[in-house]
Structures are given as C-alpha cells and as structure tokens.
Amino acid sequence: MTLNQLRAFLEAERLGSFTAAADELAIAQASVSELVRRLEDELDTQLFVRGSRRLTLTAAGQELLPYAQQVVQAVDGGVHAVRALGSLGGGTATFGMPRNADYYLLSSLVQTFHKRYPAVRVRLVGQNSAETAAAIQAGEIEAGILILPIDDEELTVRPLLRDEVFYVSADASHTAAPVTIEQFAAADLVLYDAHYGWKDPTRRQLAERAQLAGLRVEPLIEIEHVESALRLVAAGIGDTIASGAVIDSDAFPPGLHTVPFAEPLFDIIALARHRVRPLSNATREFARLAEDTIRDLPVVESGDRSSVPLIAPRRSHRKTL
C-alpha cells in the first residue's frame, strides 16, 4: 500500500470518477485506475462499484476511507511543518527564559531569530525556572530554557549543560577551602530570587542538602536579582552564591573571592516542553536555535559519561581579584 494509491483512492471517491481524479492529480486516467486496482489486489477486495455513472464505495471501501484520510492528512501535515521551518512567514514563538539568560549568551538569540524570520512575532517570558515549568504545564508558554531541578510533571526535559555554582565572599578567609553545607548554613547570607525562595532550583538543592544534615538555611537578606546580591556582598554585608557564567561575566564585581562547595554544586541548564502538546512551527524553530546557542558555549567533558557537559570556566574561580 503506497501513498499514491491512497491519494488516487481518495480523489476517485471525492470526485466520483477516475477521469476527474486523474485531472486533479495531473496524471493519466489509466494511471489512477491502475493505482486503485493495485490497492484492491493488495487488500484482496473491491473498493468501488463500477459500471454506474458515478463511482460509489463498496462496504470495504467505506471501511478504508477514514483510515486513508488520516494517513494522507498526517503525511501532508508533516511535509507542511518541515517546509515551514525553512520559510516561516508568520505565527508567534512563545518561550520561557531564565532571568540570568544574558549570562549564557542568549541575548543575541532574539536578534538571530528575527533576522532569519522577520515576520514571526516573539514572546519571551523571563522568569524563575520554577515558574517557567509551571507556565509550560499550564499552556501559557510552549517551551523554555530553565535550570534544574524543577517539578517535571507533564514535561519533557532535555538537559544540555552544567554550570558549577560557587560560594562568593568579600572576605578571603571565607573562601580559603571548599565550603561545606554546615558552613553555608552558619554564614550570613545574601540570597537572590526572594520571590521564589526555596522553590528556586539552586536554592532548592542547598535546602535539600541542609535538610539531610539536619540544618536550616536562613538568609540574613533576601533580594530579587543576583547583581544586587553581589553588590551587597562587595559591601561586606554577607556572602552569596553565583554560577560560573555569572562569575565569568563583566557584571561580577572586582574584589570578590570564590570557592567551590565541598560537595560540588551545579545548575543544570535544560530545554523543557510539554509532553503531549505539539509545538508551533515558530516555537519549535526558536527552541532549536536556543538549544544550538547553549550547546555552542565552551564546555569541558565530564568524566562521568552519564552527565551533561560542563561549561568551561574562562578563569579560575578559586579566587577572583
């Protein structure tokens, strides 16, 4: 059974004759008759009642009709979707991005996408990863780049890269050796993502470690943005945490010192989408470009082959002067 046979069958049924079907398909009438005959031979049954002025379906033909329609519609839909990727002429890409997306070179993503597809509207929602996951689950956005761990019910999550998280202080003595969870819980902390608190993926990991050690982490100050937290740390008010991408950026204040955690801590950067809902063509292409951008970051391969690659540090994080 071939696609051409099913197309000939459907057009002959719709138009009521092999001649009209041949005109519609731009092939010879004999070719349509032959395609239908081969289909009947394969199924070992007659699909049309011949001899009347208009073709009519037999009982077998009526049984085949809805399945043939589904097959041809599915194939045509797939062809349209693939072709649309190369020539997006409209639509809207709805996508979630981390609030620290610029540190992962994602700020240029919109420019690249707009240059390729100027007629496509883009709606980017910058928010904490916990909210991005919830928005995808609720259908408010189609997909997004986020930081793990998150609650992944109804989501398909594909990890892309790891970024190590470091302890940051203006006091060099606080970063003389890798920091334990006990030292972290006892410190005067300035933590960001105040609105989401311990739902934030990075803070969630630390809270789970503290819980296992029988401890609670209670920040001295909670604030929304990492840049504000770093300024307070630079003023000597307390210590904080920051990912390698933030530390390697020009926004990282001079004079701060960094050190890894005794049990290394990582942000896992991932692409998430709904498990069932299909992506629009525009969002699918935007997601592909976002994934390519993340994968183009300099990385070092982990010795653990089950792990995703680690973002390569561009300078030492042991101490930043």
C-alpha atoms as a PDB file:
ATOM      1  CA  MET A   1       0.000   0.000   0.000  1.00  0.00           C
ATOM      2  CA  THR A   2       1.514   3.306  -1.087  1.00  0.00           C
ATOM      3  CA  LEU A   3       0.700   6.953  -0.516  1.00  0.00           C
ATOM      4  CA  ASN A   4      -0.017   7.409  -4.234  1.00  0.00           C
ATOM      5  CA  GLN A   5      -2.521   4.554  -4.146  1.00  0.00           C
ATOM      6  CA  LEU A   6      -4.321   6.122  -1.191  1.00  0.00           C
ATOM      7  CA  ARG A   7      -4.366   9.545  -2.873  1.00  0.00           C
ATOM      8  CA  ALA A   8      -5.871   8.023  -6.033  1.00  0.00           C
ATOM      9  CA  PHE A   9      -8.458   6.184  -3.965  1.00  0.00           C
ATOM     10  CA  LEU A  10      -9.447   9.337  -2.057  1.00  0.00           C
ATOM     11  CA  GLU A  11      -9.692  11.569  -5.115  1.00  0.00           C
ATOM     12  CA  ALA A  12     -11.733   8.969  -7.028  1.00  0.00           C
ATOM     13  CA  GLU A  13     -14.139   8.722  -4.092  1.00  0.00           C
ATOM     14  CA  ARG A  14     -14.378  12.507  -3.660  1.00  0.00           C
ATOM     15  CA  LEU A  15     -14.884  13.311  -7.360  1.00  0.00           C
ATOM     16  CA  GLY A  16     -16.812  10.191  -8.354  1.00  0.00           C
ATOM     17  CA  SER A  17     -14.705   9.147 -11.341  1.00  0.00           C
ATOM     18  CA  PHE A  18     -11.231   8.040 -12.303  1.00  0.00           C
ATOM     19  CA  THR A  19     -11.116  10.680 -15.044  1.00  0.00           C
ATOM     20  CA  ALA A  20     -11.813  13.560 -12.659  1.00  0.00           C
ATOM     21  CA  ALA A  21      -9.325  12.146 -10.166  1.00  0.00           C
ATOM     22  CA  ALA A  22      -6.691  11.972 -12.915  1.00  0.00           C
ATOM     23  CA  ASP A  23      -7.251  15.648 -13.779  1.00  0.00           C
ATOM     24  CA  GLU A  24      -6.952  16.626 -10.110  1.00  0.00           C
ATOM     25  CA  LEU A  25      -3.727  14.626  -9.646  1.00  0.00           C
ATOM     26  CA  ALA A  26      -2.336  15.710 -13.041  1.00  0.00           C
ATOM     27  CA  ILE A  27      -1.741  12.120 -14.192  1.00  0.00           C
ATOM     28  CA  ALA A  28      -3.292   9.876 -16.840  1.00  0.00           C
ATOM     29  CA  GLN A  29      -6.703   8.288 -16.231  1.00  0.00           C
ATOM     30  CA  ALA A  30      -5.164   4.870 -16.790  1.00  0.00           C
ATOM     31  CA  SER A  31      -2.651   5.564 -14.004  1.00  0.00           C
ATOM     32  CA  VAL A  32      -5.406   6.312 -11.496  1.00  0.00           C
ATOM     33  CA  SER A  33      -7.248   3.126 -12.478  1.00  0.00           C
ATOM     34  CA  GLU A  34      -4.037   1.115 -12.110  1.00  0.00           C
ATOM     35  CA  LEU A  35      -3.230   2.596  -8.698  1.00  0.00           C
ATOM     36  CA  VAL A  36      -6.681   1.709  -7.390  1.00  0.00           C
ATOM     37  CA  ARG A  37      -6.533  -1.762  -8.953  1.00  0.00           C
ATOM     38  CA  ARG A  38      -3.192  -2.492  -7.222  1.00  0.00           C
ATOM     39  CA  LEU A  39      -4.637  -1.329  -3.926  1.00  0.00           C
ATOM     40  CA  GLU A  40      -7.618  -3.641  -4.387  1.00  0.00           C
ATOM     41  CA  ASP A  41      -5.297  -6.534  -5.278  1.00  0.00           C
ATOM     42  CA  GLU A  42      -3.256  -5.963  -2.128  1.00  0.00           C
ATOM     43  CA  LEU A  43      -6.364  -5.836   0.048  1.00  0.00           C
ATOM     44  CA  ASP A  44      -7.971  -8.688  -1.901  1.00  0.00           C
ATOM     45  CA  THR A  45     -11.261  -6.855  -2.158  1.00  0.00           C
ATOM     46  CA  GLN A  46     -13.172  -4.454  -4.405  1.00  0.00           C
ATOM     47  CA  LEU A  47     -13.292  -0.842  -3.205  1.00  0.00           C
ATOM     48  CA  PHE A  48     -15.604   0.719  -5.812  1.00  0.00           C
ATOM     49  CA  VAL A  49     -18.823  -0.334  -7.515  1.00  0.00           C
ATOM     50  CA  ARG A  50     -18.035   0.171 -11.189  1.00  0.00           C
ATOM     51  CA  GLY A  51     -20.421   0.486 -14.135  1.00  0.00           C
ATOM     52  CA  SER A  52     -22.638   3.315 -12.908  1.00  0.00           C
ATOM     53  CA  ARG A  53     -22.237   6.933 -13.964  1.00  0.00           C
ATOM     54  CA  ARG A  54     -20.583   7.780 -10.642  1.00  0.00           C
ATOM     55  CA  LEU A  55     -18.196   5.642  -8.636  1.00  0.00           C
ATOM     56  CA  THR A  56     -19.558   4.529  -5.282  1.00  0.00           C
ATOM     57  CA  LEU A  57     -17.768   2.793  -2.455  1.00  0.00           C
ATOM     58  CA  THR A  58     -18.326  -0.802  -1.523  1.00  0.00           C
ATOM     59  CA  ALA A  59     -18.587  -1.747   2.145  1.00  0.00           C
ATOM     60  CA  ALA A  60     -14.834  -2.426   2.121  1.00  0.00           C
ATOM     61  CA  GLY A  61     -14.196   0.981   0.553  1.00  0.00           C
ATOM     62  CA  GLN A  62     -16.247   2.680   3.242  1.00  0.00           C
ATOM     63  CA  GLU A  63     -14.207   0.924   5.923  1.00  0.00           C
ATOM     64  CA  LEU A  64     -10.924   2.030   4.339  1.00  0.00           C
ATOM     65  CA  LEU A  65     -11.966   5.654   3.730  1.00  0.00           C
ATOM     66  CA  PRO A  66     -11.400   7.215   7.198  1.00  0.00           C
ATOM     67  CA  TYR A  67      -8.046   5.475   7.615  1.00  0.00           C
ATOM     68  CA  ALA A  68      -6.856   6.599   4.190  1.00  0.00           C
ATOM     69  CA  GLN A  69      -7.886  10.159   5.029  1.00  0.00           C
ATOM     70  CA  GLN A  70      -5.959  10.080   8.302  1.00  0.00           C
ATOM     71  CA  VAL A  71      -2.810   8.764   6.633  1.00  0.00           C
ATOM     72  CA  VAL A  72      -2.801  11.346   3.829  1.00  0.00           C
ATOM     73  CA  GLN A  73      -3.645  14.209   6.188  1.00  0.00           C
ATOM     74  CA  ALA A  74      -0.850  13.189   8.570  1.00  0.00           C
ATOM     75  CA  VAL A  75       1.715  12.997   5.774  1.00  0.00           C
ATOM     76  CA  ASP A  76       0.623  16.332   4.295  1.00  0.00           C
ATOM     77  CA  GLY A  77       0.776  17.917   7.756  1.00  0.00           C
ATOM     78  CA  GLY A  78       4.292  16.627   8.336  1.00  0.00           C
ATOM     79  CA  VAL A  79       5.500  17.899   4.963  1.00  0.00           C
ATOM     80  CA  HIS A  80       3.959  21.301   5.648  1.00  0.00           C
ATOM     81  CA  ALA A  81       5.589  21.517   9.086  1.00  0.00           C
ATOM     82  CA  VAL A  82       9.053  20.652   7.780  1.00  0.00           C
ATOM     83  CA  ARG A  83       8.823  23.080   4.873  1.00  0.00           C
ATOM     84  CA  ALA A  84       7.538  25.795   7.170  1.00  0.00           C
ATOM     85  CA  LEU A  85      10.735  25.644   9.232  1.00  0.00           C
ATOM     86  CA  GLY A  86      12.722  26.921   6.302  1.00  0.00           C
ATOM     87  CA  SER A  87      10.243  29.631   5.366  1.00  0.00           C
ATOM     88  CA  LEU A  88       8.385  30.813   8.458  1.00  0.00           C
ATOM     89  CA  GLY A  89       6.091  33.542   7.264  1.00  0.00           C
ATOM     90  CA  GLY A  90       4.129  34.250  10.434  1.00  0.00           C
ATOM     91  CA  GLY A  91       2.988  32.941  13.766  1.00  0.00           C
ATOM     92  CA  THR A  92       4.256  33.559  17.282  1.00  0.00           C
ATOM     93  CA  ALA A  93       7.075  31.907  19.209  1.00  0.00           C
ATOM     94  CA  THR A  94       6.267  31.773  22.943  1.00  0.00           C
ATOM     95  CA  PHE A  95       9.244  30.805  25.057  1.00  0.00           C
ATOM     96  CA  GLY A  96      10.449  30.993  28.641  1.00  0.00           C
ATOM     97  CA  MET A  97      13.954  32.161  29.514  1.00  0.00           C
ATOM     98  CA  PRO A  98      15.885  32.296  32.795  1.00  0.00           C
ATOM     99  CA  ARG A  99      16.223  35.754  34.266  1.00  0.00           C
ATOM    100  CA  ASN A 100      20.000  35.320  34.000  1.00  0.00           C
ATOM    101  CA  ALA A 101      19.763  34.327  30.318  1.00  0.00           C
ATOM    102  CA  ASP A 102      22.219  37.011  29.216  1.00  0.00           C
ATOM    103  CA  TYR A 103      25.000  35.233  31.089  1.00  0.00           C
ATOM    104  CA  TYR A 104      24.557  32.278  28.738  1.00  0.00           C
ATOM    105  CA  LEU A 105      24.781  34.394  25.553  1.00  0.00           C
ATOM    106  CA  LEU A 106      21.045  34.056  24.950  1.00  0.00           C
ATOM    107  CA  SER A 107      20.523  37.804  24.493  1.00  0.00           C
ATOM    108  CA  SER A 108      21.636  37.513  20.866  1.00  0.00           C
ATOM    109  CA  LEU A 109      19.141  34.717  20.229  1.00  0.00           C
ATOM    110  CA  VAL A 110      16.212  37.045  19.525  1.00  0.00           C
ATOM    111  CA  GLN A 111      18.284  39.076  17.084  1.00  0.00           C
ATOM    112  CA  THR A 112      19.347  35.944  15.205  1.00  0.00           C
ATOM    113  CA  PHE A 113      15.799  34.605  15.085  1.00  0.00           C
ATOM    114  CA  HIS A 114      14.319  37.941  13.964  1.00  0.00           C
ATOM    115  CA  LYS A 115      16.904  38.318  11.233  1.00  0.00           C
ATOM    116  CA  ARG A 116      16.004  34.879   9.839  1.00  0.00           C
ATOM    117  CA  TYR A 117      12.236  35.143  10.323  1.00  0.00           C
ATOM    118  CA  PRO A 118      11.257  38.842  10.390  1.00  0.00           C
ATOM    119  CA  ALA A 119       7.520  38.118  10.035  1.00  0.00           C
ATOM    120  CA  VAL A 120       7.343  35.935  13.150  1.00  0.00           C
ATOM    121  CA  ARG A 121       6.309  37.511  16.441  1.00  0.00           C
ATOM    122  CA  VAL A 122       8.305  36.560  19.538  1.00  0.00           C
ATOM    123  CA  ARG A 123       7.008  36.491  23.115  1.00  0.00           C
ATOM    124  CA  LEU A 124       9.792  35.802  25.615  1.00  0.00           C
ATOM    125  CA  VAL A 125       8.950  35.446  29.288  1.00  0.00           C
ATOM    126  CA  GLY A 126      11.882  35.922  31.649  1.00  0.00           C
ATOM    127  CA  GLN A 127      11.219  34.298  35.000  1.00  0.00           C
ATOM    128  CA  ASN A 128      12.463  31.850  37.572  1.00  0.00           C
ATOM    129  CA  SER A 129      12.721  28.271  36.328  1.00  0.00           C
ATOM    130  CA  ALA A 130      10.036  27.048  38.745  1.00  0.00           C
ATOM    131  CA  GLU A 131       7.563  29.474  37.156  1.00  0.00           C
ATOM    132  CA  THR A 132       8.709  28.597  33.632  1.00  0.00           C
ATOM    133  CA  ALA A 133       7.944  24.932  34.285  1.00  0.00           C
ATOM    134  CA  ALA A 134       4.515  25.781  35.698  1.00  0.00           C
ATOM    135  CA  ALA A 135       3.742  28.050  32.727  1.00  0.00           C
ATOM    136  CA  ILE A 136       4.573  25.277  30.244  1.00  0.00           C
ATOM    137  CA  GLN A 137       2.407  22.820  32.173  1.00  0.00           C
ATOM    138  CA  ALA A 138      -0.487  25.310  32.129  1.00  0.00           C
ATOM    139  CA  GLY A 139      -0.117  26.045  28.410  1.00  0.00           C
ATOM    140  CA  GLU A 140       0.778  29.705  28.974  1.00  0.00           C
ATOM    141  CA  ILE A 141       4.033  29.263  27.060  1.00  0.00           C
ATOM    142  CA  GLU A 142       5.063  26.429  24.762  1.00  0.00           C
ATOM    143  CA  ALA A 143       8.645  25.705  25.824  1.00  0.00           C
ATOM    144  CA  GLY A 144      11.601  27.208  27.619  1.00  0.00           C
ATOM    145  CA  ILE A 145      15.186  27.090  28.782  1.00  0.00           C
ATOM    146  CA  LEU A 146      15.352  26.523  32.529  1.00  0.00           C
ATOM    147  CA  ILE A 147      17.568  25.402  35.384  1.00  0.00           C
ATOM    148  CA  LEU A 148      17.083  22.014  37.044  1.00  0.00           C
ATOM    149  CA  PRO A 149      15.780  20.636  39.298  1.00  0.00           C
ATOM    150  CA  ILE A 150      12.121  21.516  38.692  1.00  0.00           C
ATOM    151  CA  ASP A 151       8.842  19.642  39.116  1.00  0.00           C
ATOM    152  CA  ASP A 152       8.605  17.960  35.697  1.00  0.00           C
ATOM    153  CA  GLU A 153       5.069  16.519  35.738  1.00  0.00           C
ATOM    154  CA  GLU A 154       3.714  16.540  32.147  1.00  0.00           C
ATOM    155  CA  LEU A 155       7.017  17.878  30.820  1.00  0.00           C
ATOM    156  CA  THR A 156       9.735  16.522  28.568  1.00  0.00           C
ATOM    157  CA  VAL A 157      13.072  17.829  29.840  1.00  0.00           C
ATOM    158  CA  ARG A 158      16.350  17.571  27.920  1.00  0.00           C
ATOM    159  CA  PRO A 159      19.492  18.553  29.905  1.00  0.00           C
ATOM    160  CA  LEU A 160      22.016  20.486  27.829  1.00  0.00           C
ATOM    161  CA  LEU A 161      24.859  21.760  30.017  1.00  0.00           C
ATOM    162  CA  ARG A 162      26.065  22.015  33.624  1.00  0.00           C
ATOM    163  CA  ASP A 163      27.282  25.247  35.214  1.00  0.00           C
ATOM    164  CA  GLU A 164      29.062  24.971  38.568  1.00  0.00           C
ATOM    165  CA  VAL A 165      27.802  27.134  41.429  1.00  0.00           C
ATOM    166  CA  PHE A 166      30.351  28.775  43.752  1.00  0.00           C
ATOM    167  CA  TYR A 167      30.394  30.400  47.164  1.00  0.00           C
ATOM    168  CA  VAL A 168      31.161  34.136  46.944  1.00  0.00           C
ATOM    169  CA  SER A 169      32.540  36.429  49.644  1.00  0.00           C
ATOM    170  CA  ALA A 170      34.404  39.704  50.056  1.00  0.00           C
ATOM    171  CA  ASP A 171      36.383  38.077  52.877  1.00  0.00           C
ATOM    172  CA  ALA A 172      39.205  35.887  51.543  1.00  0.00           C
ATOM    173  CA  SER A 173      39.220  33.801  54.718  1.00  0.00           C
ATOM    174  CA  HIS A 174      35.687  32.595  53.896  1.00  0.00           C
ATOM    175  CA  THR A 175      36.954  31.059  50.656  1.00  0.00           C
ATOM    176  CA  ALA A 176      40.191  29.519  51.866  1.00  0.00           C
ATOM    177  CA  ALA A 177      38.793  25.997  51.390  1.00  0.00           C
ATOM    178  CA  PRO A 178      35.726  24.425  49.770  1.00  0.00           C
ATOM    179  CA  VAL A 179      32.589  25.302  51.714  1.00  0.00           C
ATOM    180  CA  THR A 180      30.571  22.597  53.482  1.00  0.00           C
ATOM    181  CA  ILE A 181      26.814  22.703  53.910  1.00  0.00           C
ATOM    182  CA  GLU A 182      27.377  23.247  57.649  1.00  0.00           C
ATOM    183  CA  GLN A 183      29.498  26.332  56.955  1.00  0.00           C
ATOM    184  CA  PHE A 184      26.964  27.568  54.440  1.00  0.00           C
ATOM    185  CA  ALA A 185      24.052  27.254  56.875  1.00  0.00           C
ATOM    186  CA  ALA A 186      26.010  29.121  59.581  1.00  0.00           C
ATOM    187  CA  ALA A 187      27.038  32.041  57.336  1.00  0.00           C
ATOM    188  CA  ASP A 188      25.487  35.483  56.998  1.00  0.00           C
ATOM    189  CA  LEU A 189      23.895  35.019  53.584  1.00  0.00           C
ATOM    190  CA  VAL A 190      22.575  37.407  50.960  1.00  0.00           C
ATOM    191  CA  LEU A 191      20.485  35.246  48.628  1.00  0.00           C
ATOM    192  CA  TYR A 192      18.629  36.308  45.487  1.00  0.00           C
ATOM    193  CA  ASP A 193      15.357  35.084  43.916  1.00  0.00           C
ATOM    194  CA  ALA A 194      13.479  36.218  47.025  1.00  0.00           C
ATOM    195  CA  HIS A 195      10.054  35.842  45.416  1.00  0.00           C
ATOM    196  CA  TYR A 196      10.514  32.134  44.723  1.00  0.00           C
ATOM    197  CA  GLY A 197      12.694  31.456  47.725  1.00  0.00           C
ATOM    198  CA  TRP A 198      13.427  27.779  48.163  1.00  0.00           C
ATOM    199  CA  LYS A 199      11.460  26.876  45.027  1.00  0.00           C
ATOM    200  CA  ASP A 200      14.368  28.307  43.032  1.00  0.00           C
ATOM    201  CA  PRO A 201      16.308  25.305  41.629  1.00  0.00           C
ATOM    202  CA  THR A 202      19.732  26.296  43.017  1.00  0.00           C
ATOM    203  CA  ARG A 203      18.413  27.175  46.446  1.00  0.00           C
ATOM    204  CA  ARG A 204      16.284  24.024  46.375  1.00  0.00           C
ATOM    205  CA  GLN A 205      19.421  21.879  46.041  1.00  0.00           C
ATOM    206  CA  LEU A 206      21.029  23.638  49.003  1.00  0.00           C
ATOM    207  CA  ALA A 207      17.888  23.295  51.120  1.00  0.00           C
ATOM    208  CA  GLU A 208      17.792  19.554  50.430  1.00  0.00           C
ATOM    209  CA  ARG A 209      21.454  19.203  51.445  1.00  0.00           C
ATOM    210  CA  ALA A 210      20.824  21.142  54.640  1.00  0.00           C
ATOM    211  CA  GLN A 211      17.787  19.009  55.437  1.00  0.00           C
ATOM    212  CA  LEU A 212      19.818  15.826  55.101  1.00  0.00           C
ATOM    213  CA  ALA A 213      22.351  17.321  57.540  1.00  0.00           C
ATOM    214  CA  GLY A 214      19.613  18.300  60.000  1.00  0.00           C
ATOM    215  CA  LEU A 215      20.110  22.006  59.331  1.00  0.00           C
ATOM    216  CA  ARG A 216      18.093  25.001  58.154  1.00  0.00           C
ATOM    217  CA  VAL A 217      19.390  27.775  55.927  1.00  0.00           C
ATOM    218  CA  GLU A 218      18.052  31.185  56.972  1.00  0.00           C
ATOM    219  CA  PRO A 219      19.432  34.074  54.870  1.00  0.00           C
ATOM    220  CA  LEU A 220      20.274  37.374  56.515  1.00  0.00           C
ATOM    221  CA  ILE A 221      18.975  39.221  53.436  1.00  0.00           C
ATOM    222  CA  GLU A 222      16.865  38.042  50.500  1.00  0.00           C
ATOM    223  CA  ILE A 223      16.744  40.096  47.318  1.00  0.00           C
ATOM    224  CA  GLU A 224      15.464  39.526  43.788  1.00  0.00           C
ATOM    225  CA  HIS A 225      18.462  39.863  41.463  1.00  0.00           C
ATOM    226  CA  VAL A 226      21.914  38.304  41.552  1.00  0.00           C
ATOM    227  CA  GLU A 227      23.518  41.621  40.569  1.00  0.00           C
ATOM    228  CA  SER A 228      22.029  43.323  43.654  1.00  0.00           C
ATOM    229  CA  ALA A 229      23.158  40.463  45.881  1.00  0.00           C
ATOM    230  CA  LEU A 230      26.709  40.724  44.558  1.00  0.00           C
ATOM    231  CA  ARG A 231      26.808  44.476  45.259  1.00  0.00           C
ATOM    232  CA  LEU A 232      25.762  43.853  48.861  1.00  0.00           C
ATOM    233  CA  VAL A 233      28.425  41.156  49.185  1.00  0.00           C
ATOM    234  CA  ALA A 234      31.029  43.541  47.763  1.00  0.00           C
ATOM    235  CA  ALA A 235      29.987  45.987  50.506  1.00  0.00           C
ATOM    236  CA  GLY A 236      30.805  43.325  53.117  1.00  0.00           C
ATOM    237  CA  ILE A 237      27.223  42.724  54.281  1.00  0.00           C
ATOM    238  CA  GLY A 238      27.275  38.955  53.774  1.00  0.00           C
ATOM    239  CA  ASP A 239      28.155  36.111  51.401  1.00  0.00           C
ATOM    240  CA  THR A 240      26.244  34.643  48.470  1.00  0.00           C
ATOM    241  CA  ILE A 241      26.369  32.081  45.677  1.00  0.00           C
ATOM    242  CA  ALA A 242      26.832  32.544  41.931  1.00  0.00           C
ATOM    243  CA  SER A 243      27.167  30.336  38.894  1.00  0.00           C
ATOM    244  CA  GLY A 244      30.326  30.175  36.849  1.00  0.00           C
ATOM    245  CA  ALA A 245      28.666  32.068  33.999  1.00  0.00           C
ATOM    246  CA  VAL A 246      27.876  34.989  36.320  1.00  0.00           C
ATOM    247  CA  ILE A 247      31.365  34.984  37.829  1.00  0.00           C
ATOM    248  CA  ASP A 248      32.953  34.985  34.381  1.00  0.00           C
ATOM    249  CA  SER A 249      30.875  37.964  33.260  1.00  0.00           C
ATOM    250  CA  ASP A 250      31.813  41.629  33.268  1.00  0.00           C
ATOM    251  CA  ALA A 251      28.989  42.227  35.749  1.00  0.00           C
ATOM    252  CA  PHE A 252      30.845  40.364  38.508  1.00  0.00           C
ATOM    253  CA  PRO A 253      32.252  42.995  40.925  1.00  0.00           C
ATOM    254  CA  PRO A 254      36.023  43.200  41.424  1.00  0.00           C
ATOM    255  CA  GLY A 255      37.480  42.242  44.771  1.00  0.00           C
ATOM    256  CA  LEU A 256      35.227  39.261  45.447  1.00  0.00           C
ATOM    257  CA  HIS A 257      36.564  35.799  46.217  1.00  0.00           C
ATOM    258  CA  THR A 258      35.032  32.498  45.112  1.00  0.00           C
ATOM    259  CA  VAL A 259      35.407  28.854  46.049  1.00  0.00           C
ATOM    260  CA  PRO A 260      33.550  25.630  45.119  1.00  0.00           C
ATOM    261  CA  PHE A 261      31.348  23.759  47.533  1.00  0.00           C
ATOM    262  CA  ALA A 262      32.907  20.751  49.266  1.00  0.00           C
ATOM    263  CA  GLU A 263      30.236  18.687  47.520  1.00  0.00           C
ATOM    264  CA  PRO A 264      30.248  20.343  44.085  1.00  0.00           C
ATOM    265  CA  LEU A 265      27.004  22.118  43.228  1.00  0.00           C
ATOM    266  CA  PHE A 266      25.735  22.508  39.669  1.00  0.00           C
ATOM    267  CA  ASP A 267      22.986  24.290  37.814  1.00  0.00           C
ATOM    268  CA  ILE A 268      21.751  22.014  35.014  1.00  0.00           C
ATOM    269  CA  ILE A 269      20.600  24.033  32.007  1.00  0.00           C
ATOM    270  CA  ALA A 270      17.803  22.252  30.159  1.00  0.00           C
ATOM    271  CA  LEU A 271      15.208  22.627  27.429  1.00  0.00           C
ATOM    272  CA  ALA A 272      11.639  21.846  28.530  1.00  0.00           C
ATOM    273  CA  ARG A 273       8.375  21.440  26.632  1.00  0.00           C
ATOM    274  CA  HIS A 274       5.006  19.864  27.294  1.00  0.00           C
ATOM    275  CA  ARG A 275       4.996  16.108  26.953  1.00  0.00           C
ATOM    276  CA  VAL A 276       1.848  15.998  24.807  1.00  0.00           C
ATOM    277  CA  ARG A 277       1.116  19.401  23.307  1.00  0.00           C
ATOM    278  CA  PRO A 278       2.823  19.908  19.927  1.00  0.00           C
ATOM    279  CA  LEU A 279       4.979  22.977  19.413  1.00  0.00           C
ATOM    280  CA  SER A 280       4.018  25.562  16.849  1.00  0.00           C
ATOM    281  CA  ASN A 281       6.439  25.850  13.946  1.00  0.00           C
ATOM    282  CA  ALA A 282       7.684  29.211  15.223  1.00  0.00           C
ATOM    283  CA  THR A 283       8.363  27.975  18.760  1.00  0.00           C
ATOM    284  CA  ARG A 284       9.946  24.758  17.502  1.00  0.00           C
ATOM    285  CA  GLU A 285      12.452  26.749  15.462  1.00  0.00           C
ATOM    286  CA  PHE A 286      13.114  29.171  18.324  1.00  0.00           C
ATOM    287  CA  ALA A 287      13.739  26.218  20.654  1.00  0.00           C
ATOM    288  CA  ARG A 288      16.152  24.698  18.135  1.00  0.00           C
ATOM    289  CA  LEU A 289      18.150  27.938  17.939  1.00  0.00           C
ATOM    290  CA  ALA A 290      18.157  28.259  21.738  1.00  0.00           C
ATOM    291  CA  GLU A 291      19.492  24.721  22.096  1.00  0.00           C
ATOM    292  CA  ASP A 292      22.173  25.386  19.484  1.00  0.00           C
ATOM    293  CA  THR A 293      23.209  28.549  21.348  1.00  0.00           C
ATOM    294  CA  ILE A 294      23.566  26.692  24.636  1.00  0.00           C
ATOM    295  CA  ARG A 295      25.459  23.827  23.029  1.00  0.00           C
ATOM    296  CA  ASP A 296      27.876  26.294  21.396  1.00  0.00           C
ATOM    297  CA  LEU A 297      29.098  27.510  24.800  1.00  0.00           C
ATOM    298  CA  PRO A 298      32.663  26.419  25.610  1.00  0.00           C
ATOM    299  CA  VAL A 299      32.485  23.171  27.566  1.00  0.00           C
ATOM    300  CA  VAL A 300      34.698  20.587  29.194  1.00  0.00           C
ATOM    301  CA  GLU A 301      33.515  16.993  29.048  1.00  0.00           C
ATOM    302  CA  SER A 302      32.649  15.393  32.342  1.00  0.00           C
ATOM    303  CA  GLY A 303      34.488  12.244  33.292  1.00  0.00           C
ATOM    304  CA  ASP A 304      31.078  10.791  34.103  1.00  0.00           C
ATOM    305  CA  ARG A 305      29.608   9.909  30.716  1.00  0.00           C
ATOM    306  CA  SER A 306      26.094   9.934  32.152  1.00  0.00           C
ATOM    307  CA  SER A 307      26.459  13.641  32.893  1.00  0.00           C
ATOM    308  CA  VAL A 308      25.833  16.502  30.530  1.00  0.00           C
ATOM    309  CA  PRO A 309      28.878  18.610  29.563  1.00  0.00           C
ATOM    310  CA  LEU A 310      30.187  21.208  31.996  1.00  0.00           C
ATOM    311  CA  ILE A 311      30.516  24.852  30.974  1.00  0.00           C
ATOM    312  CA  ALA A 312      34.225  25.518  30.708  1.00  0.00           C
ATOM    313  CA  PRO A 313      35.478  28.142  33.170  1.00  0.00           C
ATOM    314  CA  ARG A 314      37.247  31.005  31.430  1.00  0.00           C
ATOM    315  CA  ARG A 315      39.148  31.978  34.584  1.00  0.00           C
ATOM    316  CA  SER A 316      39.916  30.464  37.961  1.00  0.00           C
ATOM    317  CA  HIS A 317      37.075  30.501  40.456  1.00  0.00           C
ATOM    318  CA  ARG A 318      39.269  29.740  43.461  1.00  0.00           C
ATOM    319  CA  LYS A 319      39.874  33.447  43.986  1.00  0.00           C
ATOM    320  CA  THR A 320      38.723  36.376  41.873  1.00  0.00           C
ATOM    321  CA  LEU A 321      40.713  39.539  42.414  1.00  0.00           C
END
